[in-house]
């Protein structure tokens, strides 16, 4: 599967990246190879493969998860107590994305 330069530039723009023409060409090929490999993986029959996620693991009494306990929530003042900068009940952070 091949990606066009337009698609690569669109994805780069979403990631706020500036790519040279050479990088766009290389990314087009690299991303195309990745998508081709994913297409191959999607063709595998996995219906008889059991899930391996820990959430589905039956651990019985040996589970290391703590019990859910209802606790009072953290107050806004406590949450902002160690903030470098805050105002109007919110954290203040410097602007990091400029367009």
C-alpha atoms as a PDB file:
ATOM      1  CA  UNK A   1       0.000   0.000   0.000  1.00  0.00           C
ATOM      2  CA  UNK A   2       1.423   3.358  -0.972  1.00  0.00           C
ATOM      3  CA  UNK A   3       0.693   6.687   0.621  1.00  0.00           C
ATOM      4  CA  UNK A   4       0.682   9.807  -1.481  1.00  0.00           C
ATOM      5  CA  UNK A   5       2.855  12.798  -0.626  1.00  0.00           C
ATOM      6  CA  UNK A   6      -0.335  14.680   0.187  1.00  0.00           C
ATOM      7  CA  UNK A   7      -1.334  12.053   2.786  1.00  0.00           C
ATOM      8  CA  UNK A   8       2.143  12.061   4.344  1.00  0.00           C
ATOM      9  CA  UNK A   9       2.147  15.851   4.556  1.00  0.00           C
ATOM     10  CA  UNK A  10      -1.338  15.761   6.115  1.00  0.00           C
ATOM     11  CA  UNK A  11      -0.211  13.313   8.823  1.00  0.00           C
ATOM     12  CA  UNK A  12       2.957  15.353   9.409  1.00  0.00           C
ATOM     13  CA  UNK A  13       0.827  18.474   9.790  1.00  0.00           C
ATOM     14  CA  UNK A  14      -1.370  16.719  12.367  1.00  0.00           C
ATOM     15  CA  UNK A  15       1.799  15.839  14.301  1.00  0.00           C
ATOM     16  CA  UNK A  16       3.053  19.419  13.884  1.00  0.00           C
ATOM     17  CA  UNK A  17       6.116  18.191  11.975  1.00  0.00           C
ATOM     18  CA  UNK A  18       7.927  19.955   9.183  1.00  0.00           C
ATOM     19  CA  UNK A  19       9.359  17.451   6.697  1.00  0.00           C
ATOM     20  CA  UNK A  20      11.682  18.040   3.766  1.00  0.00           C
ATOM     21  CA  UNK A  21      10.748  16.645   0.353  1.00  0.00           C
ATOM     22  CA  UNK A  22      13.276  13.849   0.868  1.00  0.00           C
ATOM     23  CA  UNK A  23      11.737  12.961   4.242  1.00  0.00           C
ATOM     24  CA  UNK A  24       8.233  12.982   2.760  1.00  0.00           C
ATOM     25  CA  UNK A  25       9.362  10.564   0.046  1.00  0.00           C
ATOM     26  CA  UNK A  26      11.052   8.265   2.576  1.00  0.00           C
ATOM     27  CA  UNK A  27       8.076   8.389   4.980  1.00  0.00           C
ATOM     28  CA  UNK A  28       5.726   7.581   2.124  1.00  0.00           C
ATOM     29  CA  UNK A  29       7.645   4.373   1.462  1.00  0.00           C
ATOM     30  CA  UNK A  30       8.168   3.475   5.136  1.00  0.00           C
ATOM     31  CA  UNK A  31       4.540   4.048   6.116  1.00  0.00           C
ATOM     32  CA  UNK A  32       3.440   2.123   3.028  1.00  0.00           C
ATOM     33  CA  UNK A  33       5.502  -0.890   4.128  1.00  0.00           C
ATOM     34  CA  UNK A  34       4.025  -0.694   7.633  1.00  0.00           C
ATOM     35  CA  UNK A  35       0.460  -0.568   6.305  1.00  0.00           C
ATOM     36  CA  UNK A  36       1.165  -3.494   3.955  1.00  0.00           C
ATOM     37  CA  UNK A  37       2.412  -5.535   6.924  1.00  0.00           C
ATOM     38  CA  UNK A  38      -0.693  -4.638   8.935  1.00  0.00           C
ATOM     39  CA  UNK A  39      -2.864  -5.804   6.036  1.00  0.00           C
ATOM     40  CA  UNK A  40      -1.021  -9.149   6.124  1.00  0.00           C
ATOM     41  CA  UNK A  41      -1.619  -9.446   9.879  1.00  0.00           C
ATOM     42  CA  UNK A  42      -5.319  -8.687   9.416  1.00  0.00           C
ATOM     43  CA  UNK A  43      -5.603 -11.714   7.114  1.00  0.00           C
ATOM     44  CA  UNK A  44      -4.553 -14.129   9.871  1.00  0.00           C
ATOM     45  CA  UNK A  45      -7.287 -16.311  11.339  1.00  0.00           C
ATOM     46  CA  UNK A  46      -7.245 -15.681  15.096  1.00  0.00           C
ATOM     47  CA  UNK A  47     -10.708 -16.945  16.026  1.00  0.00           C
ATOM     48  CA  UNK A  48      -9.279 -20.005  17.858  1.00  0.00           C
ATOM     49  CA  UNK A  49      -6.569 -18.040  19.684  1.00  0.00           C
ATOM     50  CA  UNK A  50      -7.397 -17.340  23.307  1.00  0.00           C
ATOM     51  CA  UNK A  51      -7.016 -13.751  24.519  1.00  0.00           C
ATOM     52  CA  UNK A  52      -3.853 -13.103  26.502  1.00  0.00           C
ATOM     53  CA  UNK A  53      -4.748  -9.802  28.175  1.00  0.00           C
ATOM     54  CA  UNK A  54      -4.275  -9.756  31.942  1.00  0.00           C
ATOM     55  CA  UNK A  55      -7.734  -8.345  32.435  1.00  0.00           C
ATOM     56  CA  UNK A  56      -9.178 -11.624  31.261  1.00  0.00           C
ATOM     57  CA  UNK A  57      -6.792 -13.731  33.362  1.00  0.00           C
ATOM     58  CA  UNK A  58      -8.632 -15.683  36.073  1.00  0.00           C
ATOM     59  CA  UNK A  59      -6.295 -15.219  39.029  1.00  0.00           C
ATOM     60  CA  UNK A  60      -8.597 -16.106  41.893  1.00  0.00           C
ATOM     61  CA  UNK A  61      -7.256 -15.165  45.304  1.00  0.00           C
ATOM     62  CA  UNK A  62      -3.756 -14.420  44.013  1.00  0.00           C
ATOM     63  CA  UNK A  63      -4.840 -11.214  42.292  1.00  0.00           C
ATOM     64  CA  UNK A  64      -2.655  -8.261  43.233  1.00  0.00           C
ATOM     65  CA  UNK A  65      -5.382  -5.716  42.612  1.00  0.00           C
ATOM     66  CA  UNK A  66      -6.586  -3.731  45.613  1.00  0.00           C
ATOM     67  CA  UNK A  67     -10.242  -3.507  46.482  1.00  0.00           C
ATOM     68  CA  UNK A  68     -12.155  -0.443  45.387  1.00  0.00           C
ATOM     69  CA  UNK A  69     -12.663   1.836  48.362  1.00  0.00           C
ATOM     70  CA  UNK A  70     -14.786   4.955  48.243  1.00  0.00           C
ATOM     71  CA  UNK A  71     -12.705   7.959  49.298  1.00  0.00           C
ATOM     72  CA  UNK A  72     -13.389  11.662  49.270  1.00  0.00           C
ATOM     73  CA  UNK A  73     -12.060  13.348  46.128  1.00  0.00           C
ATOM     74  CA  UNK A  74      -9.070  15.677  46.139  1.00  0.00           C
ATOM     75  CA  UNK A  75     -10.216  19.262  46.601  1.00  0.00           C
ATOM     76  CA  UNK A  76      -9.401  21.860  43.967  1.00  0.00           C
ATOM     77  CA  UNK A  77      -7.247  23.783  46.448  1.00  0.00           C
ATOM     78  CA  UNK A  78      -5.279  20.653  47.388  1.00  0.00           C
ATOM     79  CA  UNK A  79      -4.774  19.740  43.731  1.00  0.00           C
ATOM     80  CA  UNK A  80      -3.392  23.198  42.955  1.00  0.00           C
ATOM     81  CA  UNK A  81      -1.341  23.527  46.159  1.00  0.00           C
ATOM     82  CA  UNK A  82       1.979  22.564  44.528  1.00  0.00           C
ATOM     83  CA  UNK A  83       1.284  24.019  41.085  1.00  0.00           C
ATOM     84  CA  UNK A  84       4.002  26.239  39.680  1.00  0.00           C
ATOM     85  CA  UNK A  85       1.296  28.577  38.404  1.00  0.00           C
ATOM     86  CA  UNK A  86      -2.476  28.563  38.802  1.00  0.00           C
ATOM     87  CA  UNK A  87      -5.424  30.885  38.431  1.00  0.00           C
ATOM     88  CA  UNK A  88      -9.216  30.818  38.474  1.00  0.00           C
ATOM     89  CA  UNK A  89      -9.092  27.271  39.852  1.00  0.00           C
ATOM     90  CA  UNK A  90      -6.967  25.838  37.010  1.00  0.00           C
ATOM     91  CA  UNK A  91      -3.332  24.930  36.313  1.00  0.00           C
ATOM     92  CA  UNK A  92      -1.568  27.492  34.149  1.00  0.00           C
ATOM     93  CA  UNK A  93       0.931  26.125  31.656  1.00  0.00           C
ATOM     94  CA  UNK A  94       2.990  27.788  28.931  1.00  0.00           C
ATOM     95  CA  UNK A  95       1.725  27.591  25.375  1.00  0.00           C
ATOM     96  CA  UNK A  96       3.630  24.830  23.561  1.00  0.00           C
ATOM     97  CA  UNK A  97       1.904  24.681  20.162  1.00  0.00           C
ATOM     98  CA  UNK A  98       2.079  27.662  17.897  1.00  0.00           C
ATOM     99  CA  UNK A  99       0.482  27.808  14.471  1.00  0.00           C
END
